[in-house]
C-alpha cells in the first residue's frame, strides 16, 4: 500500500492545509491575528475529541474501489461453483470475470 501514489483528491486536501498554514504564517507578525476556521481547509473538527483532524481525501477508501476490479478465473458456463474465488469471498462476479455467472 505504501507504494501506491496519492490521488489528486489527497493532493488537493494537502494543498488546502498548506495554504491555510501559509496564511497564518504571513500574519504571524501581528499581535492579534484573525485566523479563519480550519474547517474546509483540509481539516475537520472531530466532535468526540473536540480536536482538528486532517481530511486525507474526499474519495472512498481504496478497498471499496479495488473490490470492483476483482476477477475470478473460473470459466463455468452453468454458474459459479466451489472453485470460484468471488463466490468463496462472498462477492458478486464483476464484468472482468470470464465466467457466465450473474453480474
N, C-alpha and C. Protein backbone atom coordinates (compact mmCIF):
# COMPACT_ATOMS: atom_id res chain seq x y z
N UNK A 1 0.81 -1.20 0.00
CA UNK A 1 0.00 0.00 0.00
C UNK A 1 0.86 1.27 0.00
N UNK A 2 2.04 1.20 0.59
CA UNK A 2 2.89 2.39 0.66
C UNK A 2 3.39 2.81 -0.70
N UNK A 3 3.42 1.89 -1.66
CA UNK A 3 3.94 2.19 -2.99
C UNK A 3 2.89 2.82 -3.90
N UNK A 4 1.63 2.83 -3.48
CA UNK A 4 0.57 3.42 -4.29
C UNK A 4 0.66 4.94 -4.17
N UNK A 5 0.74 5.65 -5.28
CA UNK A 5 0.84 7.12 -5.19
C UNK A 5 -0.46 7.73 -4.69
N UNK A 6 -0.40 8.88 -4.05
CA UNK A 6 -1.61 9.54 -3.58
C UNK A 6 -2.49 9.98 -4.75
N UNK A 7 -3.76 10.12 -4.48
CA UNK A 7 -4.70 10.56 -5.51
C UNK A 7 -4.68 12.08 -5.63
N UNK A 8 -5.33 12.59 -6.66
CA UNK A 8 -5.43 14.04 -6.82
C UNK A 8 -6.23 14.66 -5.68
N UNK A 9 -7.22 13.92 -5.16
CA UNK A 9 -8.01 14.44 -4.04
C UNK A 9 -7.16 14.55 -2.78
N UNK A 10 -6.24 13.60 -2.57
CA UNK A 10 -5.34 13.69 -1.41
C UNK A 10 -4.40 14.89 -1.57
N UNK A 11 -3.93 15.12 -2.79
CA UNK A 11 -3.08 16.28 -3.05
C UNK A 11 -3.84 17.57 -2.80
N UNK A 12 -5.09 17.62 -3.21
CA UNK A 12 -5.93 18.81 -3.00
C UNK A 12 -6.08 19.11 -1.52
N UNK A 13 -6.37 18.09 -0.71
CA UNK A 13 -6.53 18.30 0.72
C UNK A 13 -5.22 18.75 1.37
N UNK A 14 -4.10 18.17 0.93
CA UNK A 14 -2.79 18.57 1.46
C UNK A 14 -2.49 20.02 1.08
N UNK A 15 -2.82 20.40 -0.15
CA UNK A 15 -2.59 21.77 -0.61
C UNK A 15 -3.43 22.76 0.20
N UNK A 16 -4.67 22.40 0.50
CA UNK A 16 -5.53 23.26 1.31
C UNK A 16 -4.92 23.49 2.69
N UNK A 17 -4.38 22.41 3.30
CA UNK A 17 -3.76 22.55 4.61
C UNK A 17 -2.52 23.44 4.54
N UNK A 18 -1.72 23.28 3.47
CA UNK A 18 -0.50 24.09 3.31
C UNK A 18 -0.84 25.56 3.11
N UNK A 19 -1.85 25.85 2.32
CA UNK A 19 -2.25 27.25 2.08
C UNK A 19 -2.80 27.86 3.37
N UNK A 20 -3.56 27.10 4.11
CA UNK A 20 -4.09 27.58 5.39
C UNK A 20 -2.94 27.94 6.34
N UNK A 21 -1.95 27.04 6.45
CA UNK A 21 -0.81 27.29 7.33
C UNK A 21 0.00 28.49 6.85
N UNK A 22 0.21 28.60 5.54
CA UNK A 22 0.95 29.74 4.99
C UNK A 22 0.22 31.05 5.28
N UNK A 23 -1.10 31.02 5.22
CA UNK A 23 -1.89 32.22 5.54
C UNK A 23 -1.69 32.65 6.98
N UNK A 24 -1.58 31.71 7.88
CA UNK A 24 -1.33 32.03 9.29
C UNK A 24 0.08 32.60 9.45
N UNK A 25 1.06 31.99 8.77
CA UNK A 25 2.44 32.46 8.89
C UNK A 25 2.63 33.88 8.32
N UNK A 26 1.86 34.23 7.29
CA UNK A 26 2.03 35.56 6.71
C UNK A 26 1.54 36.66 7.65
N UNK A 27 0.72 36.31 8.62
CA UNK A 27 0.22 37.30 9.57
C UNK A 27 0.83 37.10 10.97
N UNK A 28 1.89 36.30 11.05
CA UNK A 28 2.45 35.99 12.37
C UNK A 28 3.06 37.20 13.07
N UNK A 29 3.39 38.25 12.35
CA UNK A 29 3.97 39.45 12.95
C UNK A 29 2.93 40.32 13.66
N UNK A 30 1.66 40.05 13.42
CA UNK A 30 0.59 40.83 14.04
C UNK A 30 0.33 40.32 15.46
N UNK A 31 0.10 41.23 16.37
CA UNK A 31 -0.15 40.85 17.76
C UNK A 31 -1.48 40.13 17.92
N UNK A 32 -2.49 40.59 17.23
CA UNK A 32 -3.82 39.99 17.29
C UNK A 32 -4.18 39.44 15.92
N UNK A 33 -4.06 38.15 15.75
CA UNK A 33 -4.38 37.53 14.46
C UNK A 33 -5.87 37.21 14.39
N UNK A 34 -6.43 37.36 13.22
CA UNK A 34 -7.81 36.98 12.96
C UNK A 34 -7.77 35.77 12.02
N UNK A 35 -7.51 34.61 12.57
CA UNK A 35 -7.37 33.41 11.73
C UNK A 35 -8.75 32.84 11.41
N UNK A 36 -8.96 32.44 10.18
CA UNK A 36 -10.24 31.81 9.82
C UNK A 36 -10.29 30.39 10.38
N UNK A 37 -11.45 29.84 10.41
CA UNK A 37 -11.61 28.46 10.88
C UNK A 37 -10.91 27.51 9.91
N UNK A 38 -10.44 26.41 10.44
CA UNK A 38 -9.74 25.42 9.61
C UNK A 38 -10.72 24.51 8.86
N UNK A 39 -11.99 24.58 9.20
CA UNK A 39 -12.99 23.75 8.52
C UNK A 39 -13.03 24.09 7.04
N UNK A 40 -12.94 23.09 6.20
CA UNK A 40 -12.95 23.30 4.76
C UNK A 40 -11.58 23.58 4.19
N UNK A 41 -10.59 23.67 5.04
CA UNK A 41 -9.22 23.93 4.59
C UNK A 41 -8.35 22.68 4.78
N UNK A 42 -8.93 21.52 4.54
CA UNK A 42 -8.19 20.27 4.71
C UNK A 42 -8.23 19.73 6.12
N UNK A 43 -9.05 20.34 6.97
CA UNK A 43 -9.21 19.92 8.36
C UNK A 43 -10.68 19.76 8.68
N UNK A 44 -11.00 18.91 9.63
CA UNK A 44 -12.36 18.78 10.12
C UNK A 44 -12.31 18.62 11.64
N UNK A 45 -13.32 19.10 12.31
CA UNK A 45 -13.37 19.04 13.77
C UNK A 45 -14.00 17.72 14.20
N UNK A 46 -13.25 16.94 14.96
CA UNK A 46 -13.74 15.68 15.49
C UNK A 46 -14.65 16.01 16.67
N UNK A 47 -15.93 15.67 16.54
CA UNK A 47 -16.91 16.03 17.56
C UNK A 47 -16.63 15.34 18.89
N UNK A 48 -16.10 14.14 18.83
CA UNK A 48 -15.87 13.37 20.05
C UNK A 48 -14.69 13.92 20.86
N UNK A 49 -13.58 14.18 20.20
CA UNK A 49 -12.38 14.64 20.91
C UNK A 49 -12.24 16.16 20.91
N UNK A 50 -13.07 16.86 20.14
CA UNK A 50 -13.00 18.33 20.01
C UNK A 50 -11.62 18.78 19.54
N UNK A 51 -11.03 18.00 18.65
CA UNK A 51 -9.73 18.38 18.10
C UNK A 51 -9.79 18.34 16.58
N UNK A 52 -8.90 19.10 15.95
CA UNK A 52 -8.85 19.15 14.50
C UNK A 52 -8.09 17.95 13.96
N UNK A 53 -8.66 17.28 12.97
CA UNK A 53 -8.00 16.14 12.32
C UNK A 53 -7.93 16.42 10.83
N UNK A 54 -6.86 15.98 10.18
CA UNK A 54 -6.74 16.24 8.74
C UNK A 54 -7.73 15.41 7.93
N UNK A 55 -8.20 15.99 6.85
CA UNK A 55 -9.02 15.26 5.87
C UNK A 55 -8.03 14.72 4.85
N UNK A 56 -7.86 13.42 4.80
CA UNK A 56 -6.85 12.84 3.92
C UNK A 56 -7.31 12.81 2.47
N UNK A 57 -8.58 12.55 2.24
CA UNK A 57 -9.10 12.52 0.88
C UNK A 57 -10.61 12.56 0.93
N UNK A 58 -11.22 13.07 -0.12
CA UNK A 58 -12.68 13.08 -0.20
C UNK A 58 -13.19 11.90 -1.01
N UNK A 59 -12.28 11.02 -1.41
CA UNK A 59 -12.66 9.83 -2.16
C UNK A 59 -12.83 8.65 -1.20
N UNK A 60 -13.61 7.64 -1.61
CA UNK A 60 -13.76 6.47 -0.73
C UNK A 60 -12.44 5.72 -0.60
N UNK A 61 -12.37 4.89 0.40
CA UNK A 61 -11.16 4.10 0.64
C UNK A 61 -10.86 3.20 -0.55
N UNK A 62 -9.61 2.89 -0.73
CA UNK A 62 -9.19 2.09 -1.88
C UNK A 62 -9.80 0.70 -1.85
N UNK A 63 -10.06 0.16 -0.67
CA UNK A 63 -10.60 -1.20 -0.58
C UNK A 63 -11.93 -1.31 -1.32
N UNK A 64 -12.77 -0.29 -1.23
CA UNK A 64 -14.06 -0.32 -1.94
C UNK A 64 -13.85 -0.24 -3.44
N UNK A 65 -12.97 0.65 -3.87
CA UNK A 65 -12.72 0.82 -5.30
C UNK A 65 -12.05 -0.42 -5.90
N UNK A 66 -11.15 -1.02 -5.14
CA UNK A 66 -10.43 -2.19 -5.63
C UNK A 66 -11.36 -3.40 -5.75
N UNK A 67 -12.38 -3.45 -4.91
CA UNK A 67 -13.30 -4.60 -4.97
C UNK A 67 -14.02 -4.67 -6.30
N UNK A 68 -14.11 -3.55 -7.01
CA UNK A 68 -14.74 -3.55 -8.32
C UNK A 68 -13.81 -4.09 -9.40
N UNK A 69 -12.54 -4.26 -9.07
CA UNK A 69 -11.56 -4.78 -10.02
C UNK A 69 -11.27 -6.26 -9.82
N UNK A 70 -12.05 -6.91 -8.97
CA UNK A 70 -11.86 -8.33 -8.70
C UNK A 70 -12.16 -9.13 -9.96
N UNK A 71 -11.37 -10.15 -10.19
CA UNK A 71 -11.56 -11.01 -11.35
C UNK A 71 -11.30 -12.45 -10.94
N UNK A 72 -12.30 -13.30 -11.12
CA UNK A 72 -12.10 -14.71 -10.81
C UNK A 72 -11.63 -15.43 -12.07
N UNK A 73 -11.06 -16.59 -11.88
CA UNK A 73 -10.50 -17.34 -13.01
C UNK A 73 -11.39 -18.50 -13.44
N UNK A 74 -12.55 -18.65 -12.80
CA UNK A 74 -13.40 -19.78 -13.19
C UNK A 74 -14.00 -19.53 -14.57
N UNK A 75 -14.23 -20.61 -15.29
CA UNK A 75 -14.75 -20.49 -16.65
C UNK A 75 -16.07 -21.24 -16.80
N UNK A 76 -16.79 -21.34 -15.72
CA UNK A 76 -18.02 -22.10 -15.70
C UNK A 76 -19.10 -21.42 -16.55
N UNK A 77 -19.76 -22.19 -17.38
CA UNK A 77 -20.84 -21.66 -18.19
C UNK A 77 -22.19 -21.82 -17.48
N UNK A 78 -22.26 -22.72 -16.52
CA UNK A 78 -23.51 -23.00 -15.83
C UNK A 78 -23.68 -22.18 -14.56
N UNK A 79 -22.71 -21.47 -14.16
CA UNK A 79 -22.76 -20.71 -12.92
C UNK A 79 -21.56 -21.03 -12.06
N UNK A 80 -21.27 -20.15 -11.15
CA UNK A 80 -20.08 -20.32 -10.32
C UNK A 80 -20.28 -21.43 -9.31
N UNK A 81 -19.26 -22.22 -9.17
CA UNK A 81 -19.28 -23.32 -8.21
C UNK A 81 -18.32 -23.07 -7.08
N UNK A 82 -17.83 -24.16 -6.51
CA UNK A 82 -16.94 -24.09 -5.35
C UNK A 82 -15.56 -23.57 -5.66
N UNK A 83 -15.15 -23.54 -6.93
CA UNK A 83 -13.80 -23.09 -7.27
C UNK A 83 -13.73 -21.59 -7.55
N UNK A 84 -14.85 -20.93 -7.59
CA UNK A 84 -14.90 -19.50 -7.90
C UNK A 84 -14.39 -18.69 -6.71
N UNK A 85 -13.36 -17.88 -6.94
CA UNK A 85 -12.80 -17.07 -5.86
C UNK A 85 -13.76 -15.97 -5.42
N UNK A 86 -14.59 -15.48 -6.32
CA UNK A 86 -15.59 -14.47 -5.95
C UNK A 86 -16.61 -15.08 -5.00
N UNK A 87 -17.08 -16.27 -5.33
CA UNK A 87 -18.08 -16.95 -4.52
C UNK A 87 -17.51 -17.27 -3.13
N UNK A 88 -16.24 -17.70 -3.08
CA UNK A 88 -15.61 -18.01 -1.80
C UNK A 88 -15.51 -16.78 -0.90
N UNK A 89 -15.31 -15.63 -1.50
CA UNK A 89 -15.18 -14.38 -0.74
C UNK A 89 -16.54 -13.71 -0.50
N UNK A 90 -17.62 -14.34 -0.94
CA UNK A 90 -18.99 -13.81 -0.82
C UNK A 90 -19.16 -12.51 -1.59
N UNK A 91 -18.51 -12.42 -2.75
CA UNK A 91 -18.64 -11.27 -3.64
C UNK A 91 -19.42 -11.66 -4.86
N UNK A 92 -19.99 -10.67 -5.52
CA UNK A 92 -20.62 -10.92 -6.81
C UNK A 92 -19.53 -10.85 -7.88
N UNK A 93 -19.66 -11.67 -8.91
CA UNK A 93 -18.70 -11.61 -10.00
C UNK A 93 -18.83 -10.25 -10.71
N UNK A 94 -17.72 -9.75 -11.21
CA UNK A 94 -17.71 -8.44 -11.87
C UNK A 94 -17.66 -8.63 -13.38
N UNK A 95 -17.70 -7.54 -14.11
CA UNK A 95 -17.62 -7.58 -15.56
C UNK A 95 -16.27 -8.12 -16.03
N UNK A 96 -15.26 -8.04 -15.18
CA UNK A 96 -13.94 -8.54 -15.55
C UNK A 96 -13.83 -10.05 -15.49
N UNK A 97 -14.75 -10.70 -14.79
CA UNK A 97 -14.72 -12.16 -14.66
C UNK A 97 -15.03 -12.81 -16.00
N UNK A 98 -14.39 -13.95 -16.24
CA UNK A 98 -14.60 -14.64 -17.53
C UNK A 98 -15.72 -15.67 -17.44
N UNK A 99 -16.30 -15.86 -16.28
CA UNK A 99 -17.38 -16.84 -16.13
C UNK A 99 -18.71 -16.26 -16.63
N UNK A 100 -19.72 -17.08 -16.63
CA UNK A 100 -21.04 -16.68 -17.12
C UNK A 100 -22.02 -16.53 -15.96
N UNK A 101 -21.51 -16.20 -14.79
CA UNK A 101 -22.38 -16.03 -13.62
C UNK A 101 -23.14 -14.73 -13.69
N UNK A 102 -24.07 -14.56 -12.74
CA UNK A 102 -24.79 -13.29 -12.64
C UNK A 102 -23.80 -12.20 -12.26
N UNK A 103 -23.92 -11.07 -12.91
CA UNK A 103 -23.03 -9.96 -12.62
C UNK A 103 -23.80 -8.75 -12.20
